[in-house]
Amino acid sequence: MFFKKILYYINPANLFHRDPEAGVSLRMMHGVNKISFLMFLVCLVVMFIRWYTR
């Protein structure tokens, strides 16, 4: 289930998907979570590249 959720966040089709039942606060929270998760993945990639090139 953990990897399924990660793949759901990475999928570009789901990045801007809106849940019609969710309120504004919940949509904002999910948006911030997606942004922070993507930034975390980018930082991991950068750290790996820096480690590999040394």
PDB file of N, CA and C in Angstrom:
ATOM      1  N   MET A   1       0.826  -1.192   0.000  1.00  0.00           N
ATOM      2  CA  MET A   1       0.000   0.000   0.000  1.00  0.00           C
ATOM      3  C   MET A   1       0.870   1.256   0.000  1.00  0.00           C
ATOM      4  N   PHE A   2       2.009   1.199   0.668  1.00  0.00           N
ATOM      5  CA  PHE A   2       2.908   2.346   0.735  1.00  0.00           C
ATOM      6  C   PHE A   2       3.410   2.720  -0.660  1.00  0.00           C
ATOM      7  N   PHE A   3       3.862   1.713  -1.420  1.00  0.00           N
ATOM      8  CA  PHE A   3       4.375   1.985  -2.760  1.00  0.00           C
ATOM      9  C   PHE A   3       3.267   2.391  -3.713  1.00  0.00           C
ATOM     10  N   LYS A   4       2.082   1.900  -3.481  1.00  0.00           N
ATOM     11  CA  LYS A   4       0.941   2.291  -4.305  1.00  0.00           C
ATOM     12  C   LYS A   4       0.645   3.779  -4.136  1.00  0.00           C
ATOM     13  N   LYS A   5       0.751   4.280  -2.902  1.00  0.00           N
ATOM     14  CA  LYS A   5       0.519   5.702  -2.640  1.00  0.00           C
ATOM     15  C   LYS A   5       1.627   6.553  -3.258  1.00  0.00           C
ATOM     16  N   ILE A   6       2.860   6.078  -3.210  1.00  0.00           N
ATOM     17  CA  ILE A   6       3.975   6.808  -3.832  1.00  0.00           C
ATOM     18  C   ILE A   6       3.762   6.900  -5.336  1.00  0.00           C
ATOM     19  N   LEU A   7       3.394   5.792  -5.958  1.00  0.00           N
ATOM     20  CA  LEU A   7       3.137   5.825  -7.396  1.00  0.00           C
ATOM     21  C   LEU A   7       1.955   6.730  -7.734  1.00  0.00           C
ATOM     22  N   TYR A   8       0.978   6.798  -6.852  1.00  0.00           N
ATOM     23  CA  TYR A   8      -0.156   7.700  -7.069  1.00  0.00           C
ATOM     24  C   TYR A   8       0.303   9.162  -7.040  1.00  0.00           C
ATOM     25  N   TYR A   9       1.202   9.509  -6.107  1.00  0.00           N
ATOM     26  CA  TYR A   9       1.704  10.881  -6.021  1.00  0.00           C
ATOM     27  C   TYR A   9       2.596  11.240  -7.203  1.00  0.00           C
ATOM     28  N   ILE A  10       3.369  10.283  -7.687  1.00  0.00           N
ATOM     29  CA  ILE A  10       4.299  10.559  -8.788  1.00  0.00           C
ATOM     30  C   ILE A  10       3.568  10.700 -10.119  1.00  0.00           C
ATOM     31  N   ASN A  11       2.454  10.037 -10.281  1.00  0.00           N
ATOM     32  CA  ASN A  11       1.710  10.050 -11.527  1.00  0.00           C
ATOM     33  C   ASN A  11       1.262  11.479 -11.871  1.00  0.00           C
ATOM     34  N   PRO A  12       1.702  12.018 -13.007  1.00  0.00           N
ATOM     35  CA  PRO A  12       1.321  13.397 -13.366  1.00  0.00           C
ATOM     36  C   PRO A  12      -0.183  13.577 -13.585  1.00  0.00           C
ATOM     37  N   ALA A  13      -0.877  12.529 -13.972  1.00  0.00           N
ATOM     38  CA  ALA A  13      -2.327  12.638 -14.190  1.00  0.00           C
ATOM     39  C   ALA A  13      -3.056  12.917 -12.879  1.00  0.00           C
ATOM     40  N   ASN A  14      -2.519  12.453 -11.764  1.00  0.00           N
ATOM     41  CA  ASN A  14      -3.154  12.660 -10.466  1.00  0.00           C
ATOM     42  C   ASN A  14      -2.664  13.909  -9.752  1.00  0.00           C
ATOM     43  N   LEU A  15      -1.676  14.557 -10.307  1.00  0.00           N
ATOM     44  CA  LEU A  15      -1.084  15.708  -9.631  1.00  0.00           C
ATOM     45  C   LEU A  15      -2.087  16.843  -9.456  1.00  0.00           C
ATOM     46  N   PHE A  16      -2.911  17.090 -10.455  1.00  0.00           N
ATOM     47  CA  PHE A  16      -3.869  18.189 -10.390  1.00  0.00           C
ATOM     48  C   PHE A  16      -5.309  17.689 -10.310  1.00  0.00           C
ATOM     49  N   HIS A  17      -5.482  16.432  -9.925  1.00  0.00           N
ATOM     50  CA  HIS A  17      -6.812  15.855  -9.798  1.00  0.00           C
ATOM     51  C   HIS A  17      -7.518  16.439  -8.575  1.00  0.00           C
ATOM     52  N   ARG A  18      -8.781  16.797  -8.721  1.00  0.00           N
ATOM     53  CA  ARG A  18      -9.557  17.356  -7.612  1.00  0.00           C
ATOM     54  C   ARG A  18     -10.640  16.391  -7.177  1.00  0.00           C
ATOM     55  N   ASP A  19     -10.755  16.237  -5.881  1.00  0.00           N
ATOM     56  CA  ASP A  19     -11.824  15.419  -5.318  1.00  0.00           C
ATOM     57  C   ASP A  19     -13.028  16.333  -5.098  1.00  0.00           C
ATOM     58  N   PRO A  20     -14.150  16.080  -5.762  1.00  0.00           N
ATOM     59  CA  PRO A  20     -15.298  16.990  -5.640  1.00  0.00           C
ATOM     60  C   PRO A  20     -15.898  17.026  -4.234  1.00  0.00           C
ATOM     61  N   GLU A  21     -15.665  15.993  -3.441  1.00  0.00           N
ATOM     62  CA  GLU A  21     -16.242  15.954  -2.099  1.00  0.00           C
ATOM     63  C   GLU A  21     -15.388  16.666  -1.065  1.00  0.00           C
ATOM     64  N   ALA A  22     -14.124  16.904  -1.382  1.00  0.00           N
ATOM     65  CA  ALA A  22     -13.207  17.496  -0.406  1.00  0.00           C
ATOM     66  C   ALA A  22     -13.428  19.001  -0.295  1.00  0.00           C
ATOM     67  N   GLY A  23     -13.242  19.494   0.914  1.00  0.00           N
ATOM     68  CA  GLY A  23     -13.349  20.931   1.134  1.00  0.00           C
ATOM     69  C   GLY A  23     -12.052  21.634   0.730  1.00  0.00           C
ATOM     70  N   VAL A  24     -12.061  22.950   0.844  1.00  0.00           N
ATOM     71  CA  VAL A  24     -10.904  23.739   0.429  1.00  0.00           C
ATOM     72  C   VAL A  24      -9.682  23.404   1.295  1.00  0.00           C
ATOM     73  N   SER A  25      -9.879  23.269   2.590  1.00  0.00           N
ATOM     74  CA  SER A  25      -8.755  22.985   3.486  1.00  0.00           C
ATOM     75  C   SER A  25      -8.115  21.639   3.168  1.00  0.00           C
ATOM     76  N   LEU A  26      -8.928  20.653   2.908  1.00  0.00           N
ATOM     77  CA  LEU A  26      -8.402  19.331   2.597  1.00  0.00           C
ATOM     78  C   LEU A  26      -7.658  19.329   1.270  1.00  0.00           C
ATOM     79  N   ARG A  27      -8.186  20.030   0.278  1.00  0.00           N
ATOM     80  CA  ARG A  27      -7.499  20.112  -1.015  1.00  0.00           C
ATOM     81  C   ARG A  27      -6.161  20.825  -0.880  1.00  0.00           C
ATOM     82  N   MET A  28      -6.122  21.892  -0.088  1.00  0.00           N
ATOM     83  CA  MET A  28      -4.858  22.607   0.128  1.00  0.00           C
ATOM     84  C   MET A  28      -3.844  21.719   0.840  1.00  0.00           C
ATOM     85  N   MET A  29      -4.313  20.971   1.829  1.00  0.00           N
ATOM     86  CA  MET A  29      -3.422  20.079   2.565  1.00  0.00           C
ATOM     87  C   MET A  29      -2.837  19.016   1.629  1.00  0.00           C
ATOM     88  N   HIS A  30      -3.660  18.427   0.779  1.00  0.00           N
ATOM     89  CA  HIS A  30      -3.162  17.423  -0.157  1.00  0.00           C
ATOM     90  C   HIS A  30      -2.201  18.046  -1.161  1.00  0.00           C
ATOM     91  N   GLY A  31      -2.468  19.266  -1.580  1.00  0.00           N
ATOM     92  CA  GLY A  31      -1.559  19.950  -2.500  1.00  0.00           C
ATOM     93  C   GLY A  31      -0.201  20.196  -1.880  1.00  0.00           C
ATOM     94  N   VAL A  32      -0.186  20.648  -0.643  1.00  0.00           N
ATOM     95  CA  VAL A  32       1.080  20.882   0.052  1.00  0.00           C
ATOM     96  C   VAL A  32       1.821  19.566   0.266  1.00  0.00           C
ATOM     97  N   ASN A  33       1.099  18.504   0.589  1.00  0.00           N
ATOM     98  CA  ASN A  33       1.733  17.202   0.765  1.00  0.00           C
ATOM     99  C   ASN A  33       2.373  16.721  -0.527  1.00  0.00           C
ATOM    100  N   LYS A  34       1.715  16.911  -1.652  1.00  0.00           N
ATOM    101  CA  LYS A  34       2.272  16.490  -2.935  1.00  0.00           C
ATOM    102  C   LYS A  34       3.519  17.298  -3.278  1.00  0.00           C
ATOM    103  N   ILE A  35       3.473  18.599  -3.035  1.00  0.00           N
ATOM    104  CA  ILE A  35       4.633  19.442  -3.310  1.00  0.00           C
ATOM    105  C   ILE A  35       5.814  19.038  -2.432  1.00  0.00           C
ATOM    106  N   SER A  36       5.577  18.819  -1.148  1.00  0.00           N
ATOM    107  CA  SER A  36       6.675  18.448  -0.252  1.00  0.00           C
ATOM    108  C   SER A  36       7.230  17.072  -0.605  1.00  0.00           C
ATOM    109  N   PHE A  37       6.384  16.138  -1.015  1.00  0.00           N
ATOM    110  CA  PHE A  37       6.859  14.818  -1.413  1.00  0.00           C
ATOM    111  C   PHE A  37       7.717  14.903  -2.669  1.00  0.00           C
ATOM    112  N   LEU A  38       7.296  15.680  -3.646  1.00  0.00           N
ATOM    113  CA  LEU A  38       8.086  15.827  -4.871  1.00  0.00           C
ATOM    114  C   LEU A  38       9.416  16.522  -4.587  1.00  0.00           C
ATOM    115  N   MET A  39       9.418  17.517  -3.703  1.00  0.00           N
ATOM    116  CA  MET A  39      10.673  18.182  -3.342  1.00  0.00           C
ATOM    117  C   MET A  39      11.607  17.213  -2.625  1.00  0.00           C
ATOM    118  N   PHE A  40      11.064  16.347  -1.786  1.00  0.00           N
ATOM    119  CA  PHE A  40      11.864  15.342  -1.102  1.00  0.00           C
ATOM    120  C   PHE A  40      12.526  14.404  -2.105  1.00  0.00           C
ATOM    121  N   LEU A  41      11.772  13.957  -3.120  1.00  0.00           N
ATOM    122  CA  LEU A  41      12.343  13.081  -4.135  1.00  0.00           C
ATOM    123  C   LEU A  41      13.434  13.787  -4.932  1.00  0.00           C
ATOM    124  N   VAL A  42      13.230  15.049  -5.259  1.00  0.00           N
ATOM    125  CA  VAL A  42      14.248  15.814  -5.985  1.00  0.00           C
ATOM    126  C   VAL A  42      15.507  15.944  -5.135  1.00  0.00           C
ATOM    127  N   CYS A  43      15.361  16.201  -3.850  1.00  0.00           N
ATOM    128  CA  CYS A  43      16.523  16.315  -2.964  1.00  0.00           C
ATOM    129  C   CYS A  43      17.273  14.995  -2.854  1.00  0.00           C
ATOM    130  N   LEU A  44      16.551  13.885  -2.806  1.00  0.00           N
ATOM    131  CA  LEU A  44      17.225  12.585  -2.785  1.00  0.00           C
ATOM    132  C   LEU A  44      18.036  12.359  -4.055  1.00  0.00           C
ATOM    133  N   VAL A  45      17.487  12.734  -5.189  1.00  0.00           N
ATOM    134  CA  VAL A  45      18.202  12.587  -6.454  1.00  0.00           C
ATOM    135  C   VAL A  45      19.451  13.463  -6.459  1.00  0.00           C
ATOM    136  N   VAL A  46      19.332  14.695  -6.006  1.00  0.00           N
ATOM    137  CA  VAL A  46      20.483  15.607  -5.965  1.00  0.00           C
ATOM    138  C   VAL A  46      21.557  15.071  -5.020  1.00  0.00           C
ATOM    139  N   MET A  47      21.147  14.590  -3.864  1.00  0.00           N
ATOM    140  CA  MET A  47      22.121  14.036  -2.919  1.00  0.00           C
ATOM    141  C   MET A  47      22.817  12.808  -3.496  1.00  0.00           C
ATOM    142  N   PHE A  48      22.082  11.958  -4.212  1.00  0.00           N
ATOM    143  CA  PHE A  48      22.694  10.786  -4.826  1.00  0.00           C
ATOM    144  C   PHE A  48      23.690  11.199  -5.899  1.00  0.00           C
ATOM    145  N   ILE A  49      23.329  12.171  -6.717  1.00  0.00           N
ATOM    146  CA  ILE A  49      24.230  12.643  -7.793  1.00  0.00           C
ATOM    147  C   ILE A  49      25.493  13.235  -7.191  1.00  0.00           C
ATOM    148  N   ARG A  50      25.342  14.035  -6.135  1.00  0.00           N
ATOM    149  CA  ARG A  50      26.529  14.633  -5.489  1.00  0.00           C
ATOM    150  C   ARG A  50      27.413  13.558  -4.872  1.00  0.00           C
ATOM    151  N   TRP A  51      26.821  12.536  -4.296  1.00  0.00           N
ATOM    152  CA  TRP A  51      27.585  11.449  -3.692  1.00  0.00           C
ATOM    153  C   TRP A  51      28.313  10.647  -4.781  1.00  0.00           C
ATOM    154  N   TYR A  52      27.634  10.414  -5.883  1.00  0.00           N
ATOM    155  CA  TYR A  52      28.199   9.603  -6.961  1.00  0.00           C
ATOM    156  C   TYR A  52      29.353  10.312  -7.670  1.00  0.00           C
ATOM    157  N   THR A  53      29.294  11.631  -7.792  1.00  0.00           N
ATOM    158  CA  THR A  53      30.337  12.368  -8.533  1.00  0.00           C
ATOM    159  C   THR A  53      31.571  12.644  -7.690  1.00  0.00           C
ATOM    160  N   ARG A  54      31.529  12.379  -6.404  1.00  0.00           N
ATOM    161  CA  ARG A  54      32.732  12.624  -5.586  1.00  0.00           C
ATOM    162  C   ARG A  54      33.697  11.511  -5.643  1.00  0.00           C
TER     163      ARG A  54
END
